[in-house]
Amino acid sequence: TQMTLRLLWVLQHVPGLQEATNNGNAVFGGVDCWLLYKLTGKHVTD
């Protein structure tokens, strides 16, 4: 139920994601974080 190893899993299995993180283009977040980005453009969580 924790994000920890599922996040590691996607970094290992989603094509292009690891490279995007290395280039500083990819960010991570829960539903709250993603929704705040969609509503305001900010990458924040509480």
All heavy atoms as atom14 arrays in JSON, in Angstrom:
{
  "sequence": "TQMTLRLLWVLQHVPGLQEATNNGNAVFGGVDCWLLYKLTGKHVTD",
  "atom14_mask": [
    [1, 1, 1, 1, 1, 1, 1, 0, 0, 0, 0, 0, 0, 0],
    [1, 1, 1, 1, 1, 1, 1, 1, 1, 0, 0, 0, 0, 0],
    [1, 1, 1, 1, 1, 1, 1, 1, 0, 0, 0, 0, 0, 0],
    [1, 1, 1, 1, 1, 1, 1, 0, 0, 0, 0, 0, 0, 0],
    [1, 1, 1, 1, 1, 1, 1, 1, 0, 0, 0, 0, 0, 0],
    [1, 1, 1, 1, 1, 1, 1, 1, 1, 1, 1, 0, 0, 0],
    [1, 1, 1, 1, 1, 1, 1, 1, 0, 0, 0, 0, 0, 0],
    [1, 1, 1, 1, 1, 1, 1, 1, 0, 0, 0, 0, 0, 0],
    [1, 1, 1, 1, 1, 1, 1, 1, 1, 1, 1, 1, 1, 1],
    [1, 1, 1, 1, 1, 1, 1, 0, 0, 0, 0, 0, 0, 0],
    [1, 1, 1, 1, 1, 1, 1, 1, 0, 0, 0, 0, 0, 0],
    [1, 1, 1, 1, 1, 1, 1, 1, 1, 0, 0, 0, 0, 0],
    [1, 1, 1, 1, 1, 1, 1, 1, 1, 1, 0, 0, 0, 0],
    [1, 1, 1, 1, 1, 1, 1, 0, 0, 0, 0, 0, 0, 0],
    [1, 1, 1, 1, 1, 1, 1, 0, 0, 0, 0, 0, 0, 0],
    [1, 1, 1, 1, 0, 0, 0, 0, 0, 0, 0, 0, 0, 0],
    [1, 1, 1, 1, 1, 1, 1, 1, 0, 0, 0, 0, 0, 0],
    [1, 1, 1, 1, 1, 1, 1, 1, 1, 0, 0, 0, 0, 0],
    [1, 1, 1, 1, 1, 1, 1, 1, 1, 0, 0, 0, 0, 0],
    [1, 1, 1, 1, 1, 0, 0, 0, 0, 0, 0, 0, 0, 0],
    [1, 1, 1, 1, 1, 1, 1, 0, 0, 0, 0, 0, 0, 0],
    [1, 1, 1, 1, 1, 1, 1, 1, 0, 0, 0, 0, 0, 0],
    [1, 1, 1, 1, 1, 1, 1, 1, 0, 0, 0, 0, 0, 0],
    [1, 1, 1, 1, 0, 0, 0, 0, 0, 0, 0, 0, 0, 0],
    [1, 1, 1, 1, 1, 1, 1, 1, 0, 0, 0, 0, 0, 0],
    [1, 1, 1, 1, 1, 0, 0, 0, 0, 0, 0, 0, 0, 0],
    [1, 1, 1, 1, 1, 1, 1, 0, 0, 0, 0, 0, 0, 0],
    [1, 1, 1, 1, 1, 1, 1, 1, 1, 1, 1, 0, 0, 0],
    [1, 1, 1, 1, 0, 0, 0, 0, 0, 0, 0, 0, 0, 0],
    [1, 1, 1, 1, 0, 0, 0, 0, 0, 0, 0, 0, 0, 0],
    [1, 1, 1, 1, 1, 1, 1, 0, 0, 0, 0, 0, 0, 0],
    [1, 1, 1, 1, 1, 1, 1, 1, 0, 0, 0, 0, 0, 0],
    [1, 1, 1, 1, 1, 1, 0, 0, 0, 0, 0, 0, 0, 0],
    [1, 1, 1, 1, 1, 1, 1, 1, 1, 1, 1, 1, 1, 1],
    [1, 1, 1, 1, 1, 1, 1, 1, 0, 0, 0, 0, 0, 0],
    [1, 1, 1, 1, 1, 1, 1, 1, 0, 0, 0, 0, 0, 0],
    [1, 1, 1, 1, 1, 1, 1, 1, 1, 1, 1, 1, 0, 0],
    [1, 1, 1, 1, 1, 1, 1, 1, 1, 0, 0, 0, 0, 0],
    [1, 1, 1, 1, 1, 1, 1, 1, 0, 0, 0, 0, 0, 0],
    [1, 1, 1, 1, 1, 1, 1, 0, 0, 0, 0, 0, 0, 0],
    [1, 1, 1, 1, 0, 0, 0, 0, 0, 0, 0, 0, 0, 0],
    [1, 1, 1, 1, 1, 1, 1, 1, 1, 0, 0, 0, 0, 0],
    [1, 1, 1, 1, 1, 1, 1, 1, 1, 1, 0, 0, 0, 0],
    [1, 1, 1, 1, 1, 1, 1, 0, 0, 0, 0, 0, 0, 0],
    [1, 1, 1, 1, 1, 1, 1, 0, 0, 0, 0, 0, 0, 0],
    [1, 1, 1, 1, 1, 1, 1, 1, 0, 0, 0, 0, 0, 0]
  ],
  "atom14_positions": [
    [[0.82, -1.21, 0.0], [0.0, 0.0, 0.0], [0.85, 1.27, 0.0], [0.36, 2.35, -0.31], [-0.94, 0.03, 1.22], [-0.17, -0.23, 2.4], [-2.02, -1.03, 1.08], [0.0, 0.0, 0.0], [0.0, 0.0, 0.0], [0.0, 0.0, 0.0], [0.0, 0.0, 0.0], [0.0, 0.0, 0.0], [0.0, 0.0, 0.0], [0.0, 0.0, 0.0]],
    [[2.14, 1.16, 0.36], [3.02, 2.32, 0.29], [3.45, 2.55, -1.16], [3.47, 1.63, -1.97], [4.27, 2.08, 1.15], [3.99, 1.96, 2.63], [5.23, 1.5, 3.39], [6.14, 0.88, 2.83], [5.26, 1.79, 4.68], [0.0, 0.0, 0.0], [0.0, 0.0, 0.0], [0.0, 0.0, 0.0], [0.0, 0.0, 0.0], [0.0, 0.0, 0.0]],
    [[3.84, 3.76, -1.45], [4.27, 4.1, -2.81], [5.68, 3.61, -3.11], [6.04, 3.42, -4.27], [4.23, 5.61, -3.02], [2.86, 6.24, -2.92], [2.99, 8.02, -3.23], [1.33, 8.57, -2.89], [0.0, 0.0, 0.0], [0.0, 0.0, 0.0], [0.0, 0.0, 0.0], [0.0, 0.0, 0.0], [0.0, 0.0, 0.0], [0.0, 0.0, 0.0]],
    [[6.48, 3.39, -2.09], [7.92, 3.16, -2.21], [8.33, 2.24, -3.36], [8.95, 2.67, -4.33], [8.46, 2.58, -0.89], [7.54, 1.6, -0.41], [8.61, 3.66, 0.16], [0.0, 0.0, 0.0], [0.0, 0.0, 0.0], [0.0, 0.0, 0.0], [0.0, 0.0, 0.0], [0.0, 0.0, 0.0], [0.0, 0.0, 0.0], [0.0, 0.0, 0.0]],
    [[7.98, 0.96, -3.27], [8.48, 0.0, -4.25], [7.67, 0.02, -5.54], [8.17, -0.4, -6.59], [8.52, -1.4, -3.64], [9.56, -1.53, -2.52], [9.54, -2.9, -1.89], [10.96, -1.2, -3.03], [0.0, 0.0, 0.0], [0.0, 0.0, 0.0], [0.0, 0.0, 0.0], [0.0, 0.0, 0.0], [0.0, 0.0, 0.0], [0.0, 0.0, 0.0]],
    [[6.44, 0.53, -5.5], [5.71, 0.72, -6.77], [6.35, 1.85, -7.58], [6.39, 1.8, -8.81], [4.23, 1.02, -6.49], [3.43, -0.23, -6.13], [1.97, 0.06, -5.88], [1.78, 0.73, -4.61], [1.13, 1.87, -4.44], [0.62, 2.5, -5.48], [0.98, 2.41, -3.25], [0.0, 0.0, 0.0], [0.0, 0.0, 0.0], [0.0, 0.0, 0.0]],
    [[6.87, 2.86, -6.89], [7.6, 3.92, -7.59], [8.88, 3.38, -8.2], [9.22, 3.69, -9.35], [7.91, 5.07, -6.62], [8.77, 6.21, -7.17], [8.13, 6.85, -8.4], [9.01, 7.27, -6.09], [0.0, 0.0, 0.0], [0.0, 0.0, 0.0], [0.0, 0.0, 0.0], [0.0, 0.0, 0.0], [0.0, 0.0, 0.0], [0.0, 0.0, 0.0]],
    [[9.59, 2.55, -7.44], [10.8, 1.92, -7.98], [10.45, 1.06, -9.18], [11.2, 1.03, -10.18], [11.47, 1.08, -6.89], [12.82, 0.46, -7.23], [13.85, 1.52, -7.58], [13.32, -0.4, -6.06], [0.0, 0.0, 0.0], [0.0, 0.0, 0.0], [0.0, 0.0, 0.0], [0.0, 0.0, 0.0], [0.0, 0.0, 0.0], [0.0, 0.0, 0.0]],
    [[9.33, 0.37, -9.12], [8.89, -0.5, -10.21], [8.67, 0.31, -11.5], [9.13, -0.09, -12.57], [7.6, -1.22, -9.82], [7.18, -2.29, -10.8], [7.43, -3.62, -10.74], [6.41, -2.09, -12.0], [6.89, -4.27, -11.82], [6.25, -3.36, -12.61], [5.84, -0.98, -12.62], [5.55, -3.54, -13.8], [5.15, -1.15, -13.82], [5.0, -2.42, -14.39]],
    [[7.98, 1.45, -11.41], [7.71, 2.22, -12.64], [8.99, 2.82, -13.19], [9.15, 2.93, -14.42], [6.64, 3.32, -12.42], [5.3, 2.72, -12.03], [7.07, 4.38, -11.43], [0.0, 0.0, 0.0], [0.0, 0.0, 0.0], [0.0, 0.0, 0.0], [0.0, 0.0, 0.0], [0.0, 0.0, 0.0], [0.0, 0.0, 0.0], [0.0, 0.0, 0.0]],
    [[9.92, 3.2, -12.32], [11.19, 3.73, -12.81], [11.96, 2.67, -13.59], [12.69, 2.99, -14.53], [12.03, 4.23, -11.64], [11.59, 5.56, -11.01], [12.28, 5.79, -9.67], [11.87, 6.72, -11.96], [0.0, 0.0, 0.0], [0.0, 0.0, 0.0], [0.0, 0.0, 0.0], [0.0, 0.0, 0.0], [0.0, 0.0, 0.0], [0.0, 0.0, 0.0]],
    [[11.77, 1.42, -13.23], [12.47, 0.32, -13.91], [11.73, -0.18, -15.14], [12.35, -0.76, -16.04], [12.67, -0.84, -12.93], [13.61, -0.52, -11.78], [13.7, -1.66, -10.77], [13.0, -2.67, -10.89], [14.56, -1.51, -9.77], [0.0, 0.0, 0.0], [0.0, 0.0, 0.0], [0.0, 0.0, 0.0], [0.0, 0.0, 0.0], [0.0, 0.0, 0.0]],
    [[10.41, 0.03, -15.22], [9.62, -0.6, -16.27], [8.94, 0.35, -17.25], [8.56, -0.09, -18.34], [8.53, -1.49, -15.64], [9.06, -2.7, -14.95], [9.53, -2.69, -13.66], [9.21, -3.99, -15.39], [9.94, -3.9, -13.32], [9.76, -4.7, -14.35], [0.0, 0.0, 0.0], [0.0, 0.0, 0.0], [0.0, 0.0, 0.0], [0.0, 0.0, 0.0]],
    [[8.76, 1.63, -16.91], [8.1, 2.55, -17.83], [9.13, 3.14, -18.78], [10.07, 3.83, -18.34], [7.37, 3.68, -17.06], [6.8, 4.71, -18.03], [6.25, 3.09, -16.19], [0.0, 0.0, 0.0], [0.0, 0.0, 0.0], [0.0, 0.0, 0.0], [0.0, 0.0, 0.0], [0.0, 0.0, 0.0], [0.0, 0.0, 0.0], [0.0, 0.0, 0.0]],
    [[9.0, 2.89, -20.08], [9.99, 3.38, -21.06], [10.17, 4.9, -21.0], [9.19, 5.64, -21.0], [9.39, 2.95, -22.41], [8.5, 1.8, -22.08], [7.93, 2.1, -20.72], [0.0, 0.0, 0.0], [0.0, 0.0, 0.0], [0.0, 0.0, 0.0], [0.0, 0.0, 0.0], [0.0, 0.0, 0.0], [0.0, 0.0, 0.0], [0.0, 0.0, 0.0]],
    [[11.4, 5.34, -20.93], [11.72, 6.76, -20.99], [11.62, 7.49, -19.66], [12.08, 8.65, -19.56], [0.0, 0.0, 0.0], [0.0, 0.0, 0.0], [0.0, 0.0, 0.0], [0.0, 0.0, 0.0], [0.0, 0.0, 0.0], [0.0, 0.0, 0.0], [0.0, 0.0, 0.0], [0.0, 0.0, 0.0], [0.0, 0.0, 0.0], [0.0, 0.0, 0.0]],
    [[11.04, 6.87, -18.62], [10.84, 7.58, -17.35], [12.15, 7.84, -16.63], [12.39, 8.96, -16.15], [9.88, 6.8, -16.45], [9.6, 7.42, -15.08], [9.07, 8.85, -15.22], [8.62, 6.56, -14.29], [0.0, 0.0, 0.0], [0.0, 0.0, 0.0], [0.0, 0.0, 0.0], [0.0, 0.0, 0.0], [0.0, 0.0, 0.0], [0.0, 0.0, 0.0]],
    [[13.02, 6.84, -16.54], [14.29, 7.02, -15.86], [15.12, 8.11, -16.53], [15.73, 8.95, -15.87], [15.06, 5.7, -15.83], [16.36, 5.76, -15.01], [16.12, 5.92, -13.53], [15.49, 5.08, -12.9], [16.6, 7.02, -12.96], [0.0, 0.0, 0.0], [0.0, 0.0, 0.0], [0.0, 0.0, 0.0], [0.0, 0.0, 0.0], [0.0, 0.0, 0.0]],
    [[15.12, 8.1, -17.86], [15.87, 9.12, -18.6], [15.3, 10.51, -18.35], [16.03, 11.49, -18.19], [15.81, 8.81, -20.1], [16.6, 9.78, -20.96], [16.48, 9.48, -22.44], [15.88, 8.44, -22.79], [16.99, 10.28, -23.25], [0.0, 0.0, 0.0], [0.0, 0.0, 0.0], [0.0, 0.0, 0.0], [0.0, 0.0, 0.0], [0.0, 0.0, 0.0]],
    [[13.95, 10.6, -18.3], [13.29, 11.89, -18.05], [13.63, 12.42, -16.66], [13.81, 13.64, -16.47], [11.78, 11.74, -18.22], [0.0, 0.0, 0.0], [0.0, 0.0, 0.0], [0.0, 0.0, 0.0], [0.0, 0.0, 0.0], [0.0, 0.0, 0.0], [0.0, 0.0, 0.0], [0.0, 0.0, 0.0], [0.0, 0.0, 0.0], [0.0, 0.0, 0.0]],
    [[13.73, 11.51, -15.66], [14.11, 11.98, -14.32], [15.55, 12.44, -14.3], [15.89, 13.42, -13.63], [13.9, 10.86, -13.27], [14.74, 9.74, -13.59], [12.46, 10.41, -13.22], [0.0, 0.0, 0.0], [0.0, 0.0, 0.0], [0.0, 0.0, 0.0], [0.0, 0.0, 0.0], [0.0, 0.0, 0.0], [0.0, 0.0, 0.0], [0.0, 0.0, 0.0]],
    [[16.41, 11.75, -15.05], [17.83, 12.15, -15.12], [17.97, 13.53, -15.74], [18.87, 14.3, -15.37], [18.63, 11.14, -15.93], [18.69, 9.77, -15.26], [18.47, 9.65, -14.07], [18.98, 8.74, -16.05], [0.0, 0.0, 0.0], [0.0, 0.0, 0.0], [0.0, 0.0, 0.0], [0.0, 0.0, 0.0], [0.0, 0.0, 0.0], [0.0, 0.0, 0.0]],
    [[17.07, 13.87, -16.68], [17.12, 15.17, -17.36], [16.36, 16.25, -16.6], [16.31, 17.41, -17.03], [16.53, 15.05, -18.77], [17.36, 14.14, -19.66], [18.57, 13.99, -19.45], [16.72, 13.53, -20.65], [0.0, 0.0, 0.0], [0.0, 0.0, 0.0], [0.0, 0.0, 0.0], [0.0, 0.0, 0.0], [0.0, 0.0, 0.0], [0.0, 0.0, 0.0]],
    [[15.73, 15.85, -15.47], [14.99, 16.84, -14.68], [13.63, 17.19, -15.22], [13.05, 18.2, -14.83], [0.0, 0.0, 0.0], [0.0, 0.0, 0.0], [0.0, 0.0, 0.0], [0.0, 0.0, 0.0], [0.0, 0.0, 0.0], [0.0, 0.0, 0.0], [0.0, 0.0, 0.0], [0.0, 0.0, 0.0], [0.0, 0.0, 0.0], [0.0, 0.0, 0.0]],
    [[13.1, 16.37, -16.13], [11.8, 16.67, -16.74], [10.62, 16.0, -16.03], [9.49, 16.47, -16.13], [11.8, 16.23, -18.21], [12.76, 17.05, -19.05], [12.97, 18.23, -18.78], [13.35, 16.43, -20.06], [0.0, 0.0, 0.0], [0.0, 0.0, 0.0], [0.0, 0.0, 0.0], [0.0, 0.0, 0.0], [0.0, 0.0, 0.0], [0.0, 0.0, 0.0]],
    [[10.88, 14.89, -15.34], [9.79, 14.13, -14.74], [9.67, 14.44, -13.25], [10.67, 14.64, -12.55], [10.03, 12.63, -14.93], [0.0, 0.0, 0.0], [0.0, 0.0, 0.0], [0.0, 0.0, 0.0], [0.0, 0.0, 0.0], [0.0, 0.0, 0.0], [0.0, 0.0, 0.0], [0.0, 0.0, 0.0], [0.0, 0.0, 0.0], [0.0, 0.0, 0.0]],
    [[8.43, 14.5, -12.78], [8.17, 14.68, -11.36], [7.18, 13.62, -10.89], [6.49, 12.99, -11.7], [7.62, 16.09, -11.04], [8.67, 17.15, -11.28], [6.36, 16.38, -11.85], [0.0, 0.0, 0.0], [0.0, 0.0, 0.0], [0.0, 0.0, 0.0], [0.0, 0.0, 0.0], [0.0, 0.0, 0.0], [0.0, 0.0, 0.0], [0.0, 0.0, 0.0]],
    [[7.12, 13.47, -9.58], [6.3, 12.43, -8.96], [5.32, 13.07, -8.0], [5.6, 14.1, -7.39], [7.24, 11.46, -8.23], [6.67, 10.82, -6.99], [5.94, 9.65, -7.06], [6.89, 11.4, -5.74], [5.42, 9.06, -5.91], [6.4, 10.81, -4.59], [5.66, 9.64, -4.67], [0.0, 0.0, 0.0], [0.0, 0.0, 0.0], [0.0, 0.0, 0.0]],
    [[4.14, 12.44, -7.85], [3.2, 12.94, -6.86], [1.98, 12.05, -6.71], [1.63, 11.29, -7.61], [0.0, 0.0, 0.0], [0.0, 0.0, 0.0], [0.0, 0.0, 0.0], [0.0, 0.0, 0.0], [0.0, 0.0, 0.0], [0.0, 0.0, 0.0], [0.0, 0.0, 0.0], [0.0, 0.0, 0.0], [0.0, 0.0, 0.0], [0.0, 0.0, 0.0]],
    [[1.34, 12.17, -5.55], [0.08, 11.49, -5.31], [-1.06, 12.21, -6.01], [-0.85, 13.19, -6.73], [0.0, 0.0, 0.0], [0.0, 0.0, 0.0], [0.0, 0.0, 0.0], [0.0, 0.0, 0.0], [0.0, 0.0, 0.0], [0.0, 0.0, 0.0], [0.0, 0.0, 0.0], [0.0, 0.0, 0.0], [0.0, 0.0, 0.0], [0.0, 0.0, 0.0]],
    [[-2.27, 11.73, -5.78], [-3.44, 12.34, -6.41], [-3.55, 13.81, -6.04], [-3.87, 14.66, -6.87], [-4.72, 11.58, -6.01], [-5.97, 12.31, -6.51], [-4.7, 10.15, -6.55], [0.0, 0.0, 0.0], [0.0, 0.0, 0.0], [0.0, 0.0, 0.0], [0.0, 0.0, 0.0], [0.0, 0.0, 0.0], [0.0, 0.0, 0.0], [0.0, 0.0, 0.0]],
    [[-3.25, 14.14, -4.78], [-3.33, 15.54, -4.32], [-2.34, 16.42, -5.07], [-2.69, 17.51, -5.55], [-3.06, 15.62, -2.82], [-1.6, 15.31, -2.48], [-1.14, 14.2, -2.84], [-0.92, 16.15, -1.87], [0.0, 0.0, 0.0], [0.0, 0.0, 0.0], [0.0, 0.0, 0.0], [0.0, 0.0, 0.0], [0.0, 0.0, 0.0], [0.0, 0.0, 0.0]],
    [[-1.11, 15.93, -5.17], [-0.03, 16.69, -5.8], [-0.32, 16.93, -7.28], [-0.18, 18.05, -7.79], [1.27, 15.92, -5.61], [2.72, 16.7, -6.32], [0.0, 0.0, 0.0], [0.0, 0.0, 0.0], [0.0, 0.0, 0.0], [0.0, 0.0, 0.0], [0.0, 0.0, 0.0], [0.0, 0.0, 0.0], [0.0, 0.0, 0.0], [0.0, 0.0, 0.0]],
    [[-0.74, 15.86, -7.97], [-1.08, 15.97, -9.39], [-2.26, 16.91, -9.61], [-2.26, 17.74, -10.53], [-1.39, 14.58, -9.93], [-2.05, 14.53, -11.27], [-1.45, 14.58, -12.49], [-3.46, 14.43, -11.52], [-2.4, 14.5, -13.49], [-3.64, 14.41, -12.91], [-4.58, 14.35, -10.69], [-4.9, 14.33, -13.51], [-5.83, 14.26, -11.27], [-5.98, 14.25, -12.66]],
    [[-3.27, 16.83, -8.73], [-4.46, 17.68, -8.87], [-4.12, 19.15, -8.64], [-4.6, 20.03, -9.37], [-5.54, 17.22, -7.89], [-6.86, 17.99, -7.91], [-7.47, 18.01, -9.31], [-7.84, 17.39, -6.91], [0.0, 0.0, 0.0], [0.0, 0.0, 0.0], [0.0, 0.0, 0.0], [0.0, 0.0, 0.0], [0.0, 0.0, 0.0], [0.0, 0.0, 0.0]],
    [[-3.27, 19.42, -7.65], [-2.85, 20.81, -7.41], [-2.07, 21.35, -8.61], [-2.2, 22.53, -8.96], [-2.0, 20.9, -6.13], [-2.78, 20.7, -4.82], [-1.81, 20.52, -3.65], [-3.72, 21.88, -4.56], [0.0, 0.0, 0.0], [0.0, 0.0, 0.0], [0.0, 0.0, 0.0], [0.0, 0.0, 0.0], [0.0, 0.0, 0.0], [0.0, 0.0, 0.0]],
    [[-1.29, 20.49, -9.24], [-0.58, 20.9, -10.45], [-1.57, 21.23, -11.57], [-1.43, 22.26, -12.27], [0.38, 19.8, -10.91], [0.99, 20.07, -12.27], [2.06, 20.94, -12.41], [0.46, 19.47, -13.41], [2.61, 21.21, -13.67], [0.99, 19.73, -14.66], [2.06, 20.6, -14.8], [2.58, 20.87, -16.04], [0.0, 0.0, 0.0], [0.0, 0.0, 0.0]],
    [[-2.59, 20.38, -11.75], [-3.58, 20.61, -12.8], [-4.38, 21.89, -12.55], [-4.77, 22.58, -13.49], [-4.54, 19.42, -12.89], [-3.88, 18.11, -13.32], [-3.5, 18.12, -14.79], [-4.7, 17.96, -15.69], [-4.3, 17.83, -17.12], [0.0, 0.0, 0.0], [0.0, 0.0, 0.0], [0.0, 0.0, 0.0], [0.0, 0.0, 0.0], [0.0, 0.0, 0.0]],
    [[-4.62, 22.19, -11.28], [-5.44, 23.36, -10.94], [-4.65, 24.66, -10.89], [-5.18, 25.73, -11.21], [-6.12, 23.15, -9.58], [-7.24, 22.09, -9.52], [-7.62, 21.8, -8.08], [-8.46, 22.54, -10.32], [0.0, 0.0, 0.0], [0.0, 0.0, 0.0], [0.0, 0.0, 0.0], [0.0, 0.0, 0.0], [0.0, 0.0, 0.0], [0.0, 0.0, 0.0]],
    [[-3.37, 24.57, -10.5], [-2.61, 25.8, -10.25], [-1.26, 25.86, -10.95], [-0.65, 26.93, -11.03], [-2.33, 25.96, -8.74], [-1.39, 24.96, -8.32], [-3.61, 25.82, -7.92], [0.0, 0.0, 0.0], [0.0, 0.0, 0.0], [0.0, 0.0, 0.0], [0.0, 0.0, 0.0], [0.0, 0.0, 0.0], [0.0, 0.0, 0.0], [0.0, 0.0, 0.0]],
    [[-0.74, 24.72, -11.43], [0.58, 24.69, -12.05], [1.72, 24.47, -11.07], [2.88, 24.41, -11.47], [0.0, 0.0, 0.0], [0.0, 0.0, 0.0], [0.0, 0.0, 0.0], [0.0, 0.0, 0.0], [0.0, 0.0, 0.0], [0.0, 0.0, 0.0], [0.0, 0.0, 0.0], [0.0, 0.0, 0.0], [0.0, 0.0, 0.0], [0.0, 0.0, 0.0]],
    [[1.4, 24.32, -9.77], [2.44, 24.14, -8.75], [2.69, 22.65, -8.49], [1.77, 21.85, -8.54], [2.03, 24.82, -7.45], [1.94, 26.34, -7.54], [1.63, 26.94, -6.16], [1.61, 28.46, -6.21], [1.37, 29.04, -4.86], [0.0, 0.0, 0.0], [0.0, 0.0, 0.0], [0.0, 0.0, 0.0], [0.0, 0.0, 0.0], [0.0, 0.0, 0.0]],
    [[3.95, 22.33, -8.16], [4.31, 20.95, -7.8], [4.52, 20.91, -6.29], [5.65, 21.03, -5.78], [5.58, 20.52, -8.54], [5.97, 19.09, -8.28], [7.28, 18.7, -8.08], [5.22, 17.96, -8.18], [7.32, 17.4, -7.88], [6.08, 16.92, -7.92], [0.0, 0.0, 0.0], [0.0, 0.0, 0.0], [0.0, 0.0, 0.0], [0.0, 0.0, 0.0]],
    [[3.42, 20.75, -5.55], [3.44, 20.81, -4.09], [2.54, 19.72, -3.51], [1.66, 19.18, -4.19], [2.99, 22.19, -3.57], [3.95, 23.29, -4.01], [1.56, 22.5, -4.03], [0.0, 0.0, 0.0], [0.0, 0.0, 0.0], [0.0, 0.0, 0.0], [0.0, 0.0, 0.0], [0.0, 0.0, 0.0], [0.0, 0.0, 0.0], [0.0, 0.0, 0.0]],
    [[2.77, 19.4, -2.25], [1.9, 18.51, -1.5], [1.84, 19.02, -0.07], [2.58, 19.95, 0.3], [2.44, 17.06, -1.53], [1.48, 16.17, -0.94], [3.75, 16.94, -0.76], [0.0, 0.0, 0.0], [0.0, 0.0, 0.0], [0.0, 0.0, 0.0], [0.0, 0.0, 0.0], [0.0, 0.0, 0.0], [0.0, 0.0, 0.0], [0.0, 0.0, 0.0]],
    [[0.95, 18.44, 0.75], [0.91, 18.86, 2.16], [1.52, 17.77, 3.02], [1.73, 16.63, 2.56], [-0.52, 19.19, 2.58], [-1.2, 18.05, 3.31], [-1.47, 17.04, 2.65], [-1.43, 18.16, 4.52], [0.0, 0.0, 0.0], [0.0, 0.0, 0.0], [0.0, 0.0, 0.0], [0.0, 0.0, 0.0], [0.0, 0.0, 0.0], [0.0, 0.0, 0.0]]
  ]
}
